[in-house]
N, C-alpha and C. Protein backbone atom coordinates (compact mmCIF):
# COMPACT_ATOMS: atom_id res chain seq x y z
N UNK A 1 -44.76 7.69 -5.66
CA UNK A 1 -43.87 6.72 -5.22
C UNK A 1 -43.81 5.51 -6.00
N UNK A 2 -45.09 4.90 -6.40
CA UNK A 2 -44.99 3.79 -7.33
C UNK A 2 -44.35 4.07 -8.51
N UNK A 3 -44.58 5.15 -9.12
CA UNK A 3 -43.87 5.27 -10.49
C UNK A 3 -42.45 5.46 -10.37
N UNK A 4 -41.83 6.03 -9.42
CA UNK A 4 -40.40 5.91 -9.04
C UNK A 4 -40.00 4.37 -8.81
N UNK A 5 -40.76 3.69 -8.18
CA UNK A 5 -40.41 2.18 -8.00
C UNK A 5 -40.34 1.64 -9.22
N UNK A 6 -41.37 1.76 -10.10
CA UNK A 6 -41.50 1.07 -11.49
C UNK A 6 -40.25 1.46 -12.26
N UNK A 7 -39.76 2.65 -12.27
CA UNK A 7 -38.78 3.05 -13.05
C UNK A 7 -37.44 2.62 -12.56
N UNK A 8 -37.25 2.44 -11.27
CA UNK A 8 -36.02 1.86 -10.73
C UNK A 8 -35.93 0.58 -11.05
N UNK A 9 -36.88 -0.27 -10.82
CA UNK A 9 -37.08 -1.67 -11.17
C UNK A 9 -37.01 -2.06 -12.42
N UNK A 10 -37.76 -1.58 -13.36
CA UNK A 10 -37.68 -1.90 -14.86
C UNK A 10 -36.68 -1.36 -15.71
N UNK A 11 -36.36 -0.10 -15.43
CA UNK A 11 -35.38 0.53 -16.39
C UNK A 11 -34.00 0.67 -15.73
N UNK A 12 -33.82 0.88 -14.44
CA UNK A 12 -32.53 1.17 -13.95
C UNK A 12 -31.90 -0.29 -13.65
N UNK A 13 -32.59 -1.12 -12.70
CA UNK A 13 -32.18 -2.39 -12.25
C UNK A 13 -30.58 -2.85 -12.66
N UNK A 14 -29.74 -2.22 -11.76
CA UNK A 14 -28.40 -2.39 -11.88
C UNK A 14 -28.00 -3.85 -11.55
N UNK A 15 -28.82 -4.59 -10.69
CA UNK A 15 -28.46 -5.88 -10.28
C UNK A 15 -28.98 -7.02 -11.37
N UNK A 16 -29.84 -6.43 -12.28
CA UNK A 16 -30.34 -7.43 -13.23
C UNK A 16 -31.36 -8.41 -12.86
N UNK A 17 -32.22 -8.09 -11.69
CA UNK A 17 -33.17 -8.96 -10.97
C UNK A 17 -34.53 -8.85 -11.44
N UNK A 18 -34.91 -7.78 -12.13
CA UNK A 18 -36.25 -7.53 -12.38
C UNK A 18 -37.15 -8.55 -12.93
N UNK A 19 -36.49 -9.72 -13.53
CA UNK A 19 -37.31 -10.92 -13.74
C UNK A 19 -37.33 -11.99 -12.73
N UNK A 20 -36.59 -11.74 -11.69
CA UNK A 20 -36.45 -12.69 -10.71
C UNK A 20 -37.03 -12.22 -9.22
N UNK A 21 -36.72 -10.98 -8.95
CA UNK A 21 -37.05 -10.52 -7.62
C UNK A 21 -38.42 -9.74 -7.53
N UNK A 22 -38.98 -9.66 -6.39
CA UNK A 22 -40.16 -8.70 -6.23
C UNK A 22 -39.76 -7.36 -6.47
N UNK A 23 -40.79 -6.63 -6.99
CA UNK A 23 -40.55 -5.19 -7.59
C UNK A 23 -40.13 -4.26 -6.46
N UNK A 24 -40.08 -4.62 -5.34
CA UNK A 24 -39.49 -3.77 -4.26
C UNK A 24 -38.12 -3.72 -3.93
N UNK A 25 -37.44 -4.47 -4.83
CA UNK A 25 -35.81 -4.65 -4.83
C UNK A 25 -35.20 -3.34 -4.39
N UNK A 26 -35.57 -2.23 -4.92
CA UNK A 26 -34.73 -0.96 -4.98
C UNK A 26 -35.62 0.18 -4.16
N UNK A 27 -36.70 -0.31 -3.44
CA UNK A 27 -37.42 0.56 -2.65
C UNK A 27 -36.66 1.34 -1.62
N UNK A 28 -35.57 0.98 -1.16
CA UNK A 28 -34.90 1.77 -0.13
C UNK A 28 -34.28 3.03 -0.78
N UNK A 29 -34.29 3.12 -2.04
CA UNK A 29 -33.74 4.26 -2.70
C UNK A 29 -34.86 5.34 -3.35
N UNK A 30 -36.12 4.82 -3.10
CA UNK A 30 -37.12 5.81 -3.58
C UNK A 30 -36.91 7.13 -2.79
N UNK A 31 -36.87 7.07 -1.61
CA UNK A 31 -36.96 8.33 -0.82
C UNK A 31 -35.85 9.47 -1.35
N UNK A 32 -34.57 8.91 -1.57
CA UNK A 32 -33.61 9.68 -2.20
C UNK A 32 -34.01 10.25 -3.62
N UNK A 33 -34.47 9.38 -4.53
CA UNK A 33 -34.84 9.97 -5.88
C UNK A 33 -35.87 10.90 -5.62
N UNK A 34 -36.95 10.61 -4.70
CA UNK A 34 -38.05 11.62 -4.67
C UNK A 34 -37.49 12.84 -4.03
N UNK A 35 -36.61 12.92 -3.10
CA UNK A 35 -36.11 14.26 -2.62
C UNK A 35 -35.44 15.03 -3.75
N UNK A 36 -34.73 14.22 -4.53
CA UNK A 36 -34.08 14.97 -5.67
C UNK A 36 -35.03 15.66 -6.46
N UNK A 37 -36.08 14.72 -6.88
CA UNK A 37 -37.21 15.11 -7.85
C UNK A 37 -37.90 16.38 -7.30
N UNK A 38 -38.31 16.35 -6.13
CA UNK A 38 -38.98 17.46 -5.47
C UNK A 38 -38.16 18.89 -5.42
N UNK A 39 -36.77 18.61 -5.29
CA UNK A 39 -35.88 19.76 -5.43
C UNK A 39 -35.47 20.29 -6.60
N UNK A 40 -36.17 19.62 -7.72
CA UNK A 40 -36.13 20.00 -9.01
C UNK A 40 -34.62 19.79 -9.44
N UNK A 41 -34.00 18.67 -8.97
CA UNK A 41 -32.57 18.32 -9.38
C UNK A 41 -32.42 18.08 -10.79
N UNK A 42 -31.45 18.26 -11.53
CA UNK A 42 -31.06 18.11 -12.82
C UNK A 42 -31.00 16.66 -13.27
N UNK A 43 -31.14 16.28 -14.55
CA UNK A 43 -30.95 14.88 -14.89
C UNK A 43 -29.64 14.55 -14.55
N UNK A 44 -28.76 15.40 -14.69
CA UNK A 44 -27.40 15.02 -14.47
C UNK A 44 -27.00 14.78 -12.96
N UNK A 45 -27.75 15.44 -12.08
CA UNK A 45 -27.63 15.38 -10.77
C UNK A 45 -28.36 13.89 -10.25
N UNK A 46 -29.40 13.64 -10.84
CA UNK A 46 -30.11 12.41 -10.65
C UNK A 46 -29.18 11.25 -11.12
N UNK A 47 -28.72 11.33 -12.36
CA UNK A 47 -27.86 10.28 -12.88
C UNK A 47 -26.50 10.15 -11.86
N UNK A 48 -26.13 11.33 -11.44
CA UNK A 48 -24.87 11.04 -10.44
C UNK A 48 -25.30 10.23 -9.21
N UNK A 49 -26.51 10.70 -8.56
CA UNK A 49 -26.87 9.99 -7.48
C UNK A 49 -27.04 8.48 -7.70
N UNK A 50 -27.73 8.09 -8.86
CA UNK A 50 -27.87 6.50 -9.16
C UNK A 50 -26.45 5.97 -9.34
N UNK A 51 -25.44 6.71 -9.85
CA UNK A 51 -23.97 6.28 -9.98
C UNK A 51 -23.48 5.77 -8.57
N UNK A 52 -23.75 6.89 -7.65
CA UNK A 52 -23.35 6.66 -6.17
C UNK A 52 -23.91 5.50 -5.65
N UNK A 53 -25.08 5.28 -5.95
CA UNK A 53 -25.84 4.10 -5.24
C UNK A 53 -25.37 2.97 -5.73
N UNK A 54 -25.01 3.02 -7.08
CA UNK A 54 -24.45 1.64 -7.61
C UNK A 54 -23.16 1.42 -6.90
N UNK A 55 -22.19 2.36 -6.85
CA UNK A 55 -20.96 2.19 -6.32
C UNK A 55 -20.99 1.80 -4.81
N UNK A 56 -21.71 2.54 -3.99
CA UNK A 56 -21.58 2.43 -2.60
C UNK A 56 -22.54 1.53 -2.11
N UNK A 57 -23.79 1.13 -2.66
CA UNK A 57 -24.78 0.27 -1.95
C UNK A 57 -24.87 -0.99 -2.88
N UNK A 58 -24.79 -1.05 -4.21
CA UNK A 58 -24.93 -2.14 -5.11
C UNK A 58 -23.79 -2.97 -5.60
N UNK A 59 -22.84 -2.37 -5.72
CA UNK A 59 -21.68 -3.07 -6.22
C UNK A 59 -21.70 -3.41 -7.63
N UNK A 60 -22.57 -3.00 -8.28
CA UNK A 60 -22.66 -3.07 -9.83
C UNK A 60 -22.94 -1.64 -10.52
N UNK A 61 -22.12 -1.42 -11.52
CA UNK A 61 -22.34 0.02 -12.19
C UNK A 61 -22.89 -0.31 -13.62
N UNK A 62 -23.82 0.44 -13.88
CA UNK A 62 -24.58 0.60 -15.19
C UNK A 62 -23.92 1.66 -16.02
N UNK A 63 -24.26 1.70 -17.24
CA UNK A 63 -23.61 2.81 -18.18
C UNK A 63 -24.08 4.04 -17.85
N UNK A 64 -23.30 5.15 -18.25
CA UNK A 64 -23.80 6.53 -18.02
C UNK A 64 -25.02 6.64 -18.84
N UNK A 65 -25.17 6.22 -19.99
CA UNK A 65 -26.22 6.44 -20.97
C UNK A 65 -27.47 5.84 -20.25
N UNK A 66 -27.36 4.75 -19.60
CA UNK A 66 -28.56 4.14 -19.14
C UNK A 66 -29.05 4.91 -17.83
N UNK A 67 -28.02 5.35 -17.12
CA UNK A 67 -28.45 6.20 -15.80
C UNK A 67 -29.08 7.52 -16.38
N UNK A 68 -28.59 8.10 -17.34
CA UNK A 68 -29.17 9.41 -17.94
C UNK A 68 -30.62 9.07 -18.42
N UNK A 69 -30.86 7.99 -19.17
CA UNK A 69 -31.94 7.60 -19.61
C UNK A 69 -33.06 7.41 -18.51
N UNK A 70 -32.73 6.84 -17.44
CA UNK A 70 -33.44 6.69 -16.34
C UNK A 70 -33.73 7.90 -15.66
N UNK A 71 -32.67 8.88 -15.47
CA UNK A 71 -33.00 10.14 -14.92
C UNK A 71 -33.95 10.88 -15.70
N UNK A 72 -33.80 10.83 -17.06
CA UNK A 72 -34.91 11.48 -18.06
C UNK A 72 -36.24 11.06 -17.77
N UNK A 73 -36.54 9.85 -17.50
CA UNK A 73 -37.88 9.33 -17.14
C UNK A 73 -38.20 9.61 -15.81
N UNK A 74 -37.43 9.66 -15.04
CA UNK A 74 -37.85 10.14 -13.58
C UNK A 74 -38.17 11.56 -13.53
N UNK A 75 -37.53 12.27 -14.38
CA UNK A 75 -37.82 13.79 -14.43
C UNK A 75 -39.15 13.98 -15.05
N UNK A 76 -39.71 13.20 -15.80
CA UNK A 76 -40.96 13.22 -16.28
C UNK A 76 -42.12 13.14 -15.19
N UNK A 77 -41.89 12.55 -14.24
CA UNK A 77 -42.85 12.27 -13.18
C UNK A 77 -43.21 13.59 -12.40
N UNK A 78 -44.48 13.62 -12.14
CA UNK A 78 -45.16 14.92 -11.29
C UNK A 78 -44.97 14.44 -9.83
N UNK A 79 -44.10 15.10 -9.03
CA UNK A 79 -43.79 14.54 -7.79
C UNK A 79 -44.50 15.76 -6.81
N UNK A 80 -45.13 16.89 -7.36
CA UNK A 80 -45.93 17.63 -6.51
C UNK A 80 -46.84 17.23 -5.51
N UNK A 81 -46.92 17.70 -4.44
CA UNK A 81 -48.09 17.34 -3.47
C UNK A 81 -49.36 17.99 -3.83
N UNK A 82 -49.37 18.83 -4.52
CA UNK A 82 -50.80 19.47 -4.93
C UNK A 82 -51.44 18.91 -5.93
N UNK A 83 -51.33 17.93 -6.38
CA UNK A 83 -51.93 17.34 -7.72
C UNK A 83 -53.09 16.42 -7.39
């Protein structure tokens, strides 16, 4: 979960607050990202979820390229429970 937190805060950061806010700014979205990762969602699906969060929850939209890069980083995480 901490790895997801760090990627959302450092790499995604649609609000541009990672140099001002505590690193838990996007914690409310960790569960959904974790659910997608544990279901082996594609990078495209993760990117689309990030876009939906930007539109519906944050009111700030990043670029498709940024979202895809963040999704690629997230996909590299091992979220299995048996590690």
